[in-house]
Amino acid sequence: MKRIWQKHYGDMSPEIRWEQDGSVADLIERAAEKFADLPAVACFGTTLSYRQVERLSRDFAAYLQNGLGLEQGARVAIMLPNIIPFHVASFGMIRAGMVQVNVNPMYTPHELAHQLNDSGAETIVVASMVSATLGAVLEQTQIKTVITVDLADLTAAPIPAAPVHEAITGAIALTDALAQGAELAFKRPEITQDDLIFLQYTGGTTGLSKGAMLSHGNLVSNVAVYDALAGAITEEGKEIVITPIPMYHIFALMVNCLCYWRYGALNVLIADPRDMAGFVKTLSQYKFTAMTGVNTLYNGLLHTPGFAELDFSSLKVCWGGGAPIQEAVSHKWHDITGGHIREGYGLSETSPIVSMNLVARNAYTGTIGIPVPSTDISLRDENGVEVEIGAEGELCVRGPQVMQGYWNRPDATAEVMTEDGYFCTGDVAVADADGFFRIVDRKKDMILVSGFNVYPNEIEGAVALIPGIVECACIGVPDDHTGEAVKVFAVRNDDTLTEAMVRRTCRETLTGYKVPATVEFIDELPKSSVGKILRRELRQV
């Protein structure tokens, strides 16, 4: 597809050079030296400097290398929320040349066992508060070493330690591992851009999750791309970035953890973003300059007392991803903070950034922006033929951020990679004449009403604009006459709002077959730990 979007680049180069930047380990160590005495990471009232994180991660790397005797390339799982030990353990793994296996702490025992066995990890760093999940399946895995972490580790927070599950014997506390590592030598291995850095497991919504193999080169190139996009508004050593998205998620791991580390920023970790009141209290303590989030998180903050009274004078940019940013949320966010949420698009398989709305455009576009430098997008039909501008097609991406393949799954890799090097995302998109792309929906979420395609994102966007609607989700349900019908689940803050009123309002903006056949009001929508609404759970209701 012709790169018609490049006319919006301005002074930004269409091709980004990153080969000279080395590995992610090099990036970490350069920043640690350059910003040694600046604050690096904060959580639970404790702040560590770049020098402190460098030393602790070095000690952890030494423990892995010479305490456990792990070879370069060994897979090490990390199952932690957003707390300071995540930085220490992650950076230690990276500097020791290990492959970090990012694990959601909210996983069920079944999900955890699959990921550990599939990755072949023999070591895991796990939060004590979720150690029961590991204990339930430990004997079914290859895990030999369990390193436990308490929420208050490396902080002065008075948080009681959680007991380690009785099935886990011989575990070592992170603090003890660090103490051992401090007494051990560490030999920094040679790490190339071709070496793997992360196994980033996909959501597994269509079966067992697969591990996307991401290399140092994948991540370094994406860091360079982010710098091209946001470098003009970023001041080294002066940024404060808010991190509510879990860092085991590729979005926060790359943008918040790596990109802002490169800038010498202070990373403020939000361990439990579901505690909105606590979240707002933390925000009140900082003159923050940047934040990442998903639509549901931004919407939640907008409905939290005290948020509108915060000081937003230093805020430069808020990035949104994971799911479409709804127009109503973006406009209300702008009314309160002065800035729109810049929506971007990416996946675990693309490290993650594929496209973004540019910082210079402070407006709601209803799109995922334009492809980032060094990236090609092609929209293709079911036969793999590229569609015309304005037509819907599967979004396929090619660039230095695209994964090396799925771990031990050449068959699955072949299914998503084309002969000309494109990764097929499974998302249906459309491009306009200016080169802006809009996600129509996931292929699998499409609803077929009397032969017409209906995309939940469009319906949800329309319903979200109705006064009294806090949030909503749309699914297809069986219908004897139309095959499928549209059903909306909605959370309201106005009890006088009725199903009939919602359907009547929808008729004003939606074609007849798109109007919800039914609207069900519920107290809460099911969400993933990252805040994505789980439509598949609504289908089971």
Protein backbone atom coordinates (compact mmCIF):
# COMPACT_ATOMS: atom_id res chain seq x y z
CA MET A 1 0.00 0.00 0.00
CA LYS A 2 1.37 3.41 -0.94
CA ARG A 3 2.49 5.34 2.14
CA ILE A 4 0.02 8.18 1.68
CA TRP A 5 0.21 8.91 5.41
CA GLN A 6 3.78 10.22 5.21
CA LYS A 7 2.54 13.67 4.24
CA HIS A 8 1.63 14.11 7.92
CA TYR A 9 5.15 13.32 9.15
CA GLY A 10 6.49 16.86 8.85
CA ASP A 11 10.15 16.79 9.90
CA MET A 12 9.94 13.15 10.99
CA SER A 13 11.94 10.74 8.85
CA PRO A 14 9.93 7.98 7.13
CA GLU A 15 12.65 5.50 8.07
CA ILE A 16 14.08 5.23 11.58
CA ARG A 17 17.59 3.98 12.25
CA TRP A 18 18.03 1.92 15.39
CA GLU A 19 20.72 -0.58 14.48
CA GLN A 20 23.37 1.51 16.23
CA ASP A 21 21.41 1.51 19.51
CA GLY A 22 22.49 -2.00 20.49
CA SER A 23 20.34 -4.16 22.75
CA VAL A 24 17.73 -3.30 25.37
CA ALA A 25 20.37 -4.17 27.97
CA ASP A 26 22.57 -1.46 26.46
CA LEU A 27 19.66 0.99 26.61
CA ILE A 28 19.05 0.21 30.28
CA GLU A 29 22.69 0.60 31.25
CA ARG A 30 23.25 3.81 29.27
CA ALA A 31 20.30 5.51 30.95
CA ALA A 32 21.30 4.23 34.40
CA GLU A 33 24.70 5.86 34.00
CA LYS A 34 23.42 9.08 32.45
CA PHE A 35 20.64 9.68 35.00
CA ALA A 36 22.22 7.92 37.99
CA ASP A 37 21.08 10.35 40.68
CA LEU A 38 17.61 11.09 39.30
CA PRO A 39 14.44 9.41 40.63
CA ALA A 40 13.60 6.37 38.50
CA VAL A 41 10.59 4.56 39.92
CA ALA A 42 8.06 5.26 42.67
CA CYS A 43 5.45 3.10 44.38
CA PHE A 44 3.79 3.01 47.81
CA GLY A 45 5.52 6.22 48.87
CA THR A 46 9.05 4.99 48.08
CA THR A 47 11.26 6.26 45.26
CA LEU A 48 14.42 4.58 43.96
CA SER A 49 17.05 6.35 41.86
CA TYR A 50 18.48 5.12 38.59
CA ARG A 51 21.65 4.22 40.44
CA GLN A 52 19.71 2.10 42.94
CA VAL A 53 17.72 0.26 40.28
CA GLU A 54 20.93 -0.37 38.33
CA ARG A 55 22.64 -1.87 41.37
CA LEU A 56 19.69 -4.02 42.40
CA SER A 57 19.12 -5.30 38.86
CA ARG A 58 22.83 -6.08 38.60
CA ASP A 59 22.58 -8.11 41.82
CA PHE A 60 19.57 -9.99 40.48
CA ALA A 61 21.36 -10.67 37.21
CA ALA A 62 24.32 -12.06 39.18
CA TYR A 63 21.99 -14.29 41.20
CA LEU A 64 20.40 -15.71 38.05
CA GLN A 65 23.74 -16.17 36.35
CA ASN A 66 25.95 -17.44 39.16
CA GLY A 67 23.56 -18.22 42.00
CA LEU A 68 21.23 -20.38 39.93
CA GLY A 69 23.66 -21.12 37.11
CA LEU A 70 21.21 -20.14 34.37
CA GLU A 71 22.59 -19.93 30.86
CA GLN A 72 21.97 -17.04 28.51
CA GLY A 73 18.63 -17.56 26.75
CA ALA A 74 17.00 -19.39 29.66
CA ARG A 75 13.33 -18.51 30.08
CA VAL A 76 12.46 -16.85 33.40
CA ALA A 77 8.82 -16.14 34.22
CA ILE A 78 7.73 -13.00 36.05
CA MET A 79 4.29 -12.86 37.68
CA LEU A 80 4.09 -9.47 39.40
CA PRO A 81 1.80 -6.44 39.51
CA ASN A 82 3.14 -2.90 39.05
CA ILE A 83 5.57 -2.70 41.96
CA ILE A 84 9.23 -1.68 42.18
CA PRO A 85 10.51 -5.29 42.16
CA PHE A 86 9.16 -5.63 38.61
CA HIS A 87 11.77 -3.16 37.37
CA VAL A 88 14.53 -4.83 39.36
CA ALA A 89 13.69 -8.38 38.29
CA SER A 90 12.94 -7.49 34.67
CA PHE A 91 16.08 -5.42 34.16
CA GLY A 92 18.14 -8.12 35.88
CA MET A 93 16.79 -10.76 33.50
CA ILE A 94 17.44 -8.57 30.48
CA ARG A 95 21.00 -7.70 31.52
CA ALA A 96 21.77 -11.38 32.15
CA GLY A 97 20.55 -12.26 28.65
CA MET A 98 17.54 -14.24 29.85
CA VAL A 99 14.22 -14.45 28.01
CA GLN A 100 11.55 -12.83 30.15
CA VAL A 101 8.20 -14.65 30.17
CA ASN A 102 5.55 -12.14 31.20
CA VAL A 103 2.72 -13.69 33.20
CA ASN A 104 -0.57 -12.12 34.25
CA PRO A 105 -0.90 -12.40 38.08
CA MET A 106 -4.64 -12.90 37.64
CA TYR A 107 -4.21 -16.12 35.67
CA THR A 108 -6.02 -19.25 36.73
CA PRO A 109 -3.94 -22.33 37.60
CA HIS A 110 -4.81 -23.85 34.21
CA GLU A 111 -3.65 -20.77 32.30
CA LEU A 112 -0.47 -20.51 34.36
CA ALA A 113 0.45 -24.17 33.88
CA HIS A 114 0.04 -23.86 30.12
CA GLN A 115 2.26 -20.79 29.89
CA LEU A 116 4.99 -22.21 32.11
CA ASN A 117 5.05 -25.54 30.30
CA ASP A 118 4.85 -23.99 26.86
CA SER A 119 7.71 -21.58 27.55
CA GLY A 120 9.86 -24.16 29.31
CA ALA A 121 10.59 -21.76 32.16
CA GLU A 122 12.38 -23.36 35.11
CA THR A 123 12.49 -20.20 37.24
CA ILE A 124 9.65 -17.89 38.24
CA VAL A 125 9.46 -14.60 40.13
CA VAL A 126 6.00 -14.55 41.70
CA ALA A 127 4.03 -12.27 44.01
CA SER A 128 3.40 -14.03 47.32
CA MET A 129 -0.24 -12.93 47.26
CA VAL A 130 -0.88 -15.10 44.17
CA SER A 131 1.46 -17.95 45.09
CA ALA A 132 -1.52 -20.24 45.69
CA THR A 133 -2.11 -20.24 41.92
CA LEU A 134 1.43 -21.47 41.36
CA GLY A 135 1.21 -23.92 44.24
CA ALA A 136 -1.85 -25.56 42.68
CA VAL A 137 0.07 -26.56 39.54
CA LEU A 138 3.73 -26.49 40.55
CA GLU A 139 4.17 -30.26 40.27
CA GLN A 140 2.76 -30.17 36.74
CA THR A 141 5.49 -27.78 35.55
CA GLN A 142 9.26 -27.77 35.05
CA ILE A 143 9.78 -25.00 37.62
CA LYS A 144 12.85 -25.62 39.78
CA THR A 145 13.27 -22.23 41.47
CA VAL A 146 10.54 -20.02 42.93
CA ILE A 147 11.48 -16.45 43.91
CA THR A 148 8.76 -14.80 45.99
CA VAL A 149 8.00 -11.10 46.20
CA ASP A 150 5.92 -9.19 48.73
CA LEU A 151 4.14 -5.98 47.73
CA ALA A 152 6.23 -3.94 50.17
CA ASP A 153 9.59 -5.33 49.05
CA LEU A 154 12.12 -2.56 48.35
CA THR A 155 9.76 0.03 49.83
CA ALA A 156 9.04 1.40 53.29
CA ALA A 157 5.32 0.70 52.97
CA PRO A 158 3.68 -0.94 56.01
CA ILE A 159 2.02 -3.67 53.95
CA PRO A 160 1.79 -7.06 55.70
CA ALA A 161 3.64 -9.88 53.95
CA ALA A 162 1.42 -12.45 52.26
CA PRO A 163 2.02 -16.10 53.18
CA VAL A 164 3.64 -18.30 50.56
CA HIS A 165 1.45 -21.23 49.57
CA GLU A 166 2.26 -24.40 51.50
CA ALA A 167 2.81 -26.39 48.30
CA ILE A 168 5.80 -24.19 47.46
CA THR A 169 8.76 -25.51 49.40
CA GLY A 170 12.30 -24.23 49.11
CA ALA A 171 11.28 -20.85 47.70
CA ILE A 172 13.65 -17.93 48.13
CA ALA A 173 12.54 -14.37 48.84
CA LEU A 174 13.59 -11.74 46.33
CA THR A 175 15.36 -9.79 49.06
CA ASP A 176 17.45 -12.86 49.90
CA ALA A 177 18.22 -13.48 46.23
CA LEU A 178 19.41 -9.88 45.92
CA ALA A 179 21.59 -10.24 49.00
CA GLN A 180 23.19 -13.35 47.53
CA GLY A 181 23.65 -11.66 44.17
CA ALA A 182 25.41 -8.72 45.79
CA GLU A 183 28.18 -11.12 46.82
CA LEU A 184 28.47 -12.75 43.39
CA ALA A 185 30.32 -11.73 40.27
CA PHE A 186 28.33 -10.71 37.21
CA LYS A 187 29.69 -11.09 33.71
CA ARG A 188 27.61 -9.15 31.24
CA PRO A 189 26.96 -11.46 28.25
CA GLU A 190 27.15 -10.30 24.68
CA ILE A 191 23.58 -9.60 23.60
CA THR A 192 22.66 -8.91 19.99
CA GLN A 193 19.55 -7.43 18.45
CA ASP A 194 18.66 -10.89 17.14
CA ASP A 195 18.51 -12.40 20.64
CA LEU A 196 15.09 -12.94 22.21
CA ILE A 197 14.12 -10.69 25.10
CA PHE A 198 10.43 -11.48 25.77
CA LEU A 199 7.94 -14.27 25.28
CA GLN A 200 4.77 -12.22 25.18
CA TYR A 201 1.75 -14.49 25.37
CA THR A 202 -1.37 -13.57 23.46
CA GLY A 203 -4.74 -13.46 25.15
CA GLY A 204 -5.77 -16.91 24.04
CA THR A 205 -9.34 -15.89 23.23
CA THR A 206 -9.41 -18.43 20.42
CA GLY A 207 -7.74 -21.28 22.26
CA LEU A 208 -4.56 -21.76 24.25
CA SER A 209 -2.36 -18.69 24.29
CA LYS A 210 0.74 -18.52 22.11
CA GLY A 211 4.06 -16.92 22.98
CA ALA A 212 5.09 -14.16 20.59
CA MET A 213 8.88 -14.19 20.33
CA LEU A 214 10.14 -10.62 20.60
CA SER A 215 13.79 -9.80 20.04
CA HIS A 216 15.97 -7.01 21.39
CA GLY A 217 15.87 -5.54 17.89
CA ASN A 218 12.05 -5.55 17.89
CA LEU A 219 11.97 -3.54 21.11
CA VAL A 220 14.88 -1.22 20.35
CA SER A 221 13.32 -0.29 17.01
CA ASN A 222 9.98 0.44 18.67
CA VAL A 223 11.68 2.60 21.32
CA ALA A 224 13.34 4.56 18.50
CA VAL A 225 9.98 4.96 16.77
CA TYR A 226 8.39 6.28 19.97
CA ASP A 227 11.21 8.79 20.30
CA ALA A 228 10.56 10.00 16.76
CA LEU A 229 6.88 10.46 17.62
CA ALA A 230 7.14 11.99 21.10
CA GLY A 231 10.73 13.19 21.42
CA ALA A 232 9.82 16.77 20.52
CA ILE A 233 7.66 17.15 23.64
CA THR A 234 9.89 15.10 25.93
CA GLU A 235 12.62 16.58 28.13
CA GLU A 236 15.30 14.25 29.42
CA GLY A 237 15.34 13.99 33.18
CA LYS A 238 12.14 16.00 33.63
CA GLU A 239 9.29 13.65 32.72
CA ILE A 240 6.92 11.95 35.17
CA VAL A 241 4.96 9.11 33.58
CA ILE A 242 1.99 7.42 35.24
CA THR A 243 1.78 3.64 34.79
CA PRO A 244 -1.61 2.08 35.60
CA ILE A 245 -1.46 -0.52 32.81
CA PRO A 246 0.25 -3.68 34.08
CA MET A 247 3.85 -3.91 32.94
CA TYR A 248 3.44 -7.56 32.01
CA HIS A 249 1.37 -6.08 29.17
CA ILE A 250 3.48 -5.11 26.16
CA PHE A 251 1.98 -1.58 25.97
CA ALA A 252 3.22 -0.48 29.41
CA LEU A 253 6.33 -2.64 29.25
CA MET A 254 7.56 -0.91 26.11
CA VAL A 255 6.25 2.64 26.48
CA ASN A 256 6.29 3.28 30.23
CA CYS A 257 9.05 0.94 31.34
CA LEU A 258 11.56 1.20 28.47
CA CYS A 259 10.86 4.40 26.52
CA TYR A 260 10.58 6.61 29.58
CA TRP A 261 13.57 4.91 31.22
CA ARG A 262 15.55 6.03 28.19
CA TYR A 263 14.41 9.61 28.87
CA GLY A 264 15.45 9.56 32.53
CA ALA A 265 11.82 9.91 33.62
CA LEU A 266 10.26 9.10 36.97
CA ASN A 267 7.89 6.17 36.52
CA VAL A 268 5.01 6.27 39.02
CA LEU A 269 3.61 2.77 39.36
CA ILE A 270 -0.08 2.22 40.09
CA ALA A 271 -0.24 -1.22 41.69
CA ASP A 272 -4.04 -1.44 41.73
CA PRO A 273 -5.74 0.87 39.21
CA ARG A 274 -9.12 -0.59 40.17
CA ASP A 275 -8.83 1.46 43.38
CA MET A 276 -9.82 4.65 41.61
CA ALA A 277 -9.90 6.75 44.77
CA GLY A 278 -6.37 5.65 45.62
CA PHE A 279 -5.33 6.24 42.02
CA VAL A 280 -6.55 9.84 42.15
CA LYS A 281 -4.80 10.36 45.49
CA THR A 282 -1.52 9.22 43.93
CA LEU A 283 -2.02 11.51 40.94
CA SER A 284 -2.48 14.45 43.31
CA GLN A 285 1.08 13.97 44.58
CA TYR A 286 2.84 14.49 41.24
CA LYS A 287 3.13 17.07 38.46
CA PHE A 288 2.80 14.27 35.95
CA THR A 289 3.56 14.80 32.27
CA ALA A 290 2.41 11.60 30.55
CA MET A 291 0.11 8.65 31.09
CA THR A 292 -0.99 5.51 29.29
CA GLY A 293 -4.34 3.81 29.68
CA VAL A 294 -7.31 2.10 28.10
CA ASN A 295 -10.77 3.53 27.48
CA THR A 296 -12.33 1.95 30.57
CA LEU A 297 -9.57 3.29 32.82
CA TYR A 298 -9.85 6.84 31.50
CA ASN A 299 -13.63 6.63 31.79
CA GLY A 300 -13.31 5.38 35.37
CA LEU A 301 -11.09 8.31 36.34
CA LEU A 302 -13.57 10.76 34.82
CA HIS A 303 -16.25 9.38 37.15
CA THR A 304 -14.06 9.42 40.27
CA PRO A 305 -14.56 12.26 42.80
CA GLY A 306 -11.57 14.57 42.99
CA PHE A 307 -10.17 13.80 39.56
CA ALA A 308 -11.45 16.98 37.92
CA GLU A 309 -9.77 19.06 40.63
CA LEU A 310 -6.26 17.72 39.94
CA ASP A 311 -3.48 19.90 38.52
CA PHE A 312 -3.06 19.06 34.83
CA SER A 313 -0.81 22.00 33.97
CA SER A 314 2.22 19.75 33.32
CA LEU A 315 0.37 17.04 31.39
CA LYS A 316 1.69 16.76 27.83
CA VAL A 317 0.22 13.57 26.45
CA CYS A 318 -2.08 10.67 27.30
CA TRP A 319 -1.89 7.57 25.12
CA GLY A 320 -4.79 5.18 24.66
CA GLY A 321 -4.74 1.66 23.29
CA GLY A 322 -5.97 -1.87 23.83
CA ALA A 323 -9.50 -0.95 22.72
CA PRO A 324 -11.04 2.02 20.88
CA ILE A 325 -11.18 5.32 22.75
CA GLN A 326 -14.80 6.39 22.68
CA GLU A 327 -15.67 9.88 21.52
CA ALA A 328 -17.61 10.75 24.67
CA VAL A 329 -14.66 9.76 26.86
CA SER A 330 -12.11 11.69 24.78
CA HIS A 331 -14.18 14.88 24.75
CA LYS A 332 -14.83 14.78 28.48
CA TRP A 333 -11.14 14.06 29.09
CA HIS A 334 -10.29 17.11 26.99
CA ASP A 335 -12.78 19.27 28.87
CA ILE A 336 -11.12 18.40 32.19
CA THR A 337 -7.43 18.03 31.32
CA GLY A 338 -7.08 20.23 28.25
CA GLY A 339 -5.87 17.41 26.03
CA HIS A 340 -7.45 14.65 24.00
CA ILE A 341 -6.37 11.03 24.45
CA ARG A 342 -4.11 10.09 21.55
CA GLU A 343 -5.22 6.68 20.38
CA GLY A 344 -2.71 4.23 18.98
CA TYR A 345 -2.75 0.66 17.81
CA GLY A 346 -0.53 -2.31 18.44
CA LEU A 347 -0.38 -5.95 19.44
CA SER A 348 1.78 -8.32 21.43
CA GLU A 349 3.12 -9.56 18.11
CA THR A 350 4.26 -6.07 17.08
CA SER A 351 6.19 -4.98 20.16
CA PRO A 352 3.55 -3.22 20.16
CA ILE A 353 3.35 0.10 18.27
CA VAL A 354 1.97 0.00 14.72
CA SER A 355 0.18 3.34 14.41
CA MET A 356 -0.49 6.46 16.45
CA ASN A 357 -2.31 9.75 16.35
CA LEU A 358 0.41 12.39 16.28
CA VAL A 359 1.06 14.53 19.35
CA ALA A 360 0.68 17.74 17.34
CA ARG A 361 -2.97 16.97 16.61
CA ASN A 362 -4.91 17.67 19.80
CA ALA A 363 -8.25 16.34 18.58
CA TYR A 364 -10.44 13.27 18.67
CA THR A 365 -10.08 11.59 15.29
CA GLY A 366 -11.98 8.35 15.83
CA THR A 367 -9.01 6.58 14.26
CA ILE A 368 -5.89 4.70 15.31
CA GLY A 369 -3.86 7.40 13.59
CA ILE A 370 -1.27 6.77 10.93
CA PRO A 371 1.39 4.07 10.61
CA VAL A 372 4.61 4.92 12.43
CA PRO A 373 7.92 5.29 10.56
CA SER A 374 9.54 2.20 9.05
CA THR A 375 6.13 0.51 9.04
CA ASP A 376 3.90 -0.63 6.18
CA ILE A 377 0.21 -1.44 6.49
CA SER A 378 -1.78 -3.34 3.89
CA LEU A 379 -5.54 -3.96 4.09
CA ARG A 380 -6.41 -7.26 2.43
CA ASP A 381 -9.51 -9.23 1.58
CA GLU A 382 -10.11 -12.90 2.35
CA ASN A 383 -8.05 -13.90 -0.69
CA GLY A 384 -5.07 -11.84 0.41
CA VAL A 385 -5.66 -9.16 -2.22
CA GLU A 386 -5.13 -5.55 -1.15
CA VAL A 387 -8.36 -3.53 -1.05
CA GLU A 388 -8.87 0.04 -2.21
CA ILE A 389 -8.89 3.13 0.00
CA GLY A 390 -12.23 3.30 1.80
CA ALA A 391 -12.84 -0.44 1.64
CA GLU A 392 -12.69 -2.77 4.62
CA GLY A 393 -9.92 -5.33 4.86
CA GLU A 394 -7.83 -7.27 7.33
CA LEU A 395 -5.06 -5.08 8.72
CA CYS A 396 -1.65 -6.57 7.91
CA VAL A 397 1.58 -4.99 9.13
CA ARG A 398 5.23 -5.22 8.11
CA GLY A 399 8.14 -3.60 9.91
CA PRO A 400 11.04 -4.08 12.34
CA GLN A 401 8.65 -4.41 15.28
CA VAL A 402 6.98 -7.60 13.98
CA MET A 403 7.71 -10.68 16.09
CA GLN A 404 10.09 -13.47 15.16
CA GLY A 405 7.18 -15.93 15.26
CA TYR A 406 5.27 -17.93 17.88
CA TRP A 407 7.35 -19.96 20.33
CA ASN A 408 7.48 -23.61 19.23
CA ARG A 409 4.52 -23.00 16.89
CA PRO A 410 5.76 -22.82 13.29
CA ASP A 411 2.28 -23.88 12.18
CA ALA A 412 0.62 -20.96 13.94
CA THR A 413 3.32 -18.61 12.68
CA ALA A 414 2.70 -19.70 9.09
CA GLU A 415 -1.01 -18.97 9.50
CA VAL A 416 -0.44 -15.29 10.31
CA MET A 417 2.63 -14.42 8.21
CA THR A 418 2.39 -13.78 4.48
CA GLU A 419 5.00 -14.60 1.87
CA ASP A 420 5.86 -10.91 1.51
CA GLY A 421 6.53 -10.51 5.22
CA TYR A 422 3.25 -9.11 6.55
CA PHE A 423 1.71 -10.13 9.88
CA CYS A 424 -2.06 -10.60 9.60
CA THR A 425 -3.64 -9.14 12.73
CA GLY A 426 -7.19 -10.46 12.52
CA ASP A 427 -8.50 -6.90 12.84
CA VAL A 428 -10.76 -5.41 10.19
CA ALA A 429 -9.84 -1.83 9.30
CA VAL A 430 -10.49 0.88 6.75
CA ALA A 431 -8.22 3.70 5.56
CA ASP A 432 -9.29 7.15 4.42
CA ALA A 433 -7.73 9.22 1.66
CA ASP A 434 -5.45 11.00 4.15
CA GLY A 435 -3.91 7.76 5.38
CA PHE A 436 -5.70 7.56 8.72
CA PHE A 437 -6.82 4.09 9.71
CA ARG A 438 -9.89 3.08 11.68
CA ILE A 439 -10.41 -0.31 13.28
CA VAL A 440 -13.84 -1.56 12.35
CA ASP A 441 -13.65 -4.57 14.68
CA ARG A 442 -12.15 -7.96 15.31
CA LYS A 443 -13.15 -10.49 12.67
CA LYS A 444 -14.42 -12.86 15.33
CA ASP A 445 -16.56 -10.18 17.04
CA MET A 446 -18.48 -9.23 13.92
CA ILE A 447 -22.26 -9.74 14.14
CA LEU A 448 -24.16 -10.94 11.07
CA VAL A 449 -27.69 -9.49 11.01
CA SER A 450 -29.74 -10.65 8.02
CA GLY A 451 -26.55 -10.89 6.01
CA PHE A 452 -25.33 -7.43 7.02
CA ASN A 453 -22.07 -6.96 8.92
CA VAL A 454 -22.46 -5.19 12.25
CA TYR A 455 -19.38 -4.22 14.25
CA PRO A 456 -19.72 -3.92 18.04
CA ASN A 457 -17.32 -0.96 18.25
CA GLU A 458 -19.70 1.21 16.23
CA ILE A 459 -22.70 0.29 18.36
CA GLU A 460 -20.79 0.81 21.60
CA GLY A 461 -19.60 4.20 20.44
CA ALA A 462 -23.17 5.30 19.71
CA VAL A 463 -24.60 4.01 23.00
CA ALA A 464 -21.75 5.56 25.02
CA LEU A 465 -22.83 9.03 23.84
CA ILE A 466 -26.25 8.65 25.48
CA PRO A 467 -26.52 10.66 28.74
CA GLY A 468 -26.76 8.32 31.71
CA ILE A 469 -24.60 5.58 30.16
CA VAL A 470 -21.35 4.99 32.04
CA GLU A 471 -20.03 2.19 29.83
CA CYS A 472 -21.39 -0.50 27.56
CA ALA A 473 -20.56 -3.55 25.48
CA CYS A 474 -22.23 -5.13 22.47
CA ILE A 475 -22.48 -8.76 21.36
CA GLY A 476 -24.44 -10.82 18.87
CA VAL A 477 -27.12 -13.23 20.09
CA PRO A 478 -29.00 -15.92 18.11
CA ASP A 479 -32.20 -14.77 16.44
CA ASP A 480 -34.72 -16.95 14.59
CA HIS A 481 -35.49 -14.28 12.00
CA THR A 482 -32.20 -12.48 11.39
CA GLY A 483 -29.65 -15.15 12.29
CA GLU A 484 -28.11 -12.87 14.87
CA ALA A 485 -29.34 -9.78 16.66
CA VAL A 486 -27.55 -6.97 18.45
CA LYS A 487 -27.61 -7.01 22.24
CA VAL A 488 -26.14 -4.28 24.43
CA PHE A 489 -25.09 -4.61 28.05
CA ALA A 490 -24.89 -1.22 29.74
CA VAL A 491 -23.94 0.29 33.08
CA ARG A 492 -26.00 3.40 33.86
CA ASN A 493 -25.85 6.13 36.50
CA ASP A 494 -29.41 7.27 35.84
CA ASP A 495 -32.11 4.82 36.94
CA THR A 496 -34.72 6.65 34.85
CA LEU A 497 -32.94 5.60 31.67
CA THR A 498 -34.85 2.71 30.09
CA GLU A 499 -34.21 0.16 27.38
CA ALA A 500 -36.79 1.85 25.17
CA MET A 501 -35.03 5.20 25.54
CA VAL A 502 -31.69 3.70 24.53
CA ARG A 503 -33.16 1.96 21.50
CA ARG A 504 -35.03 5.11 20.47
CA THR A 505 -31.85 7.19 20.63
CA CYS A 506 -29.94 4.57 18.64
CA ARG A 507 -32.52 4.75 15.86
CA GLU A 508 -31.51 8.39 15.35
CA THR A 509 -27.88 7.51 14.57
CA LEU A 510 -27.81 3.88 13.45
CA THR A 511 -29.23 2.04 10.45
CA GLY A 512 -32.19 -0.17 11.38
CA TYR A 513 -30.37 -3.51 11.42
CA LYS A 514 -27.70 -2.03 13.72
CA VAL A 515 -30.14 -0.86 16.38
CA PRO A 516 -29.91 -3.05 19.50
CA ALA A 517 -32.72 -5.58 19.67
CA THR A 518 -32.28 -5.74 23.44
CA VAL A 519 -30.55 -3.66 26.09
CA GLU A 520 -29.73 -5.17 29.46
CA PHE A 521 -28.61 -2.97 32.34
CA ILE A 522 -26.02 -4.53 34.65
CA ASP A 523 -23.98 -3.28 37.59
CA GLU A 524 -20.57 -4.02 36.13
CA LEU A 525 -19.02 -5.18 32.87
CA PRO A 526 -16.54 -8.07 32.97
CA LYS A 527 -13.02 -6.85 32.24
CA SER A 528 -9.55 -8.27 31.87
CA SER A 529 -6.79 -7.23 34.25
CA VAL A 530 -5.74 -4.62 31.69
CA GLY A 531 -9.25 -3.16 31.59
CA LYS A 532 -10.46 -4.57 28.28
CA ILE A 533 -14.14 -5.46 28.27
CA LEU A 534 -14.55 -9.23 27.90
CA ARG A 535 -17.29 -9.74 25.34
CA ARG A 536 -16.78 -13.49 25.44
CA GLU A 537 -17.97 -13.56 29.07
CA LEU A 538 -21.06 -11.58 28.16
CA ARG A 539 -21.87 -14.21 25.54
CA GLN A 540 -22.07 -16.76 28.34
CA VAL A 541 -24.57 -14.73 30.36
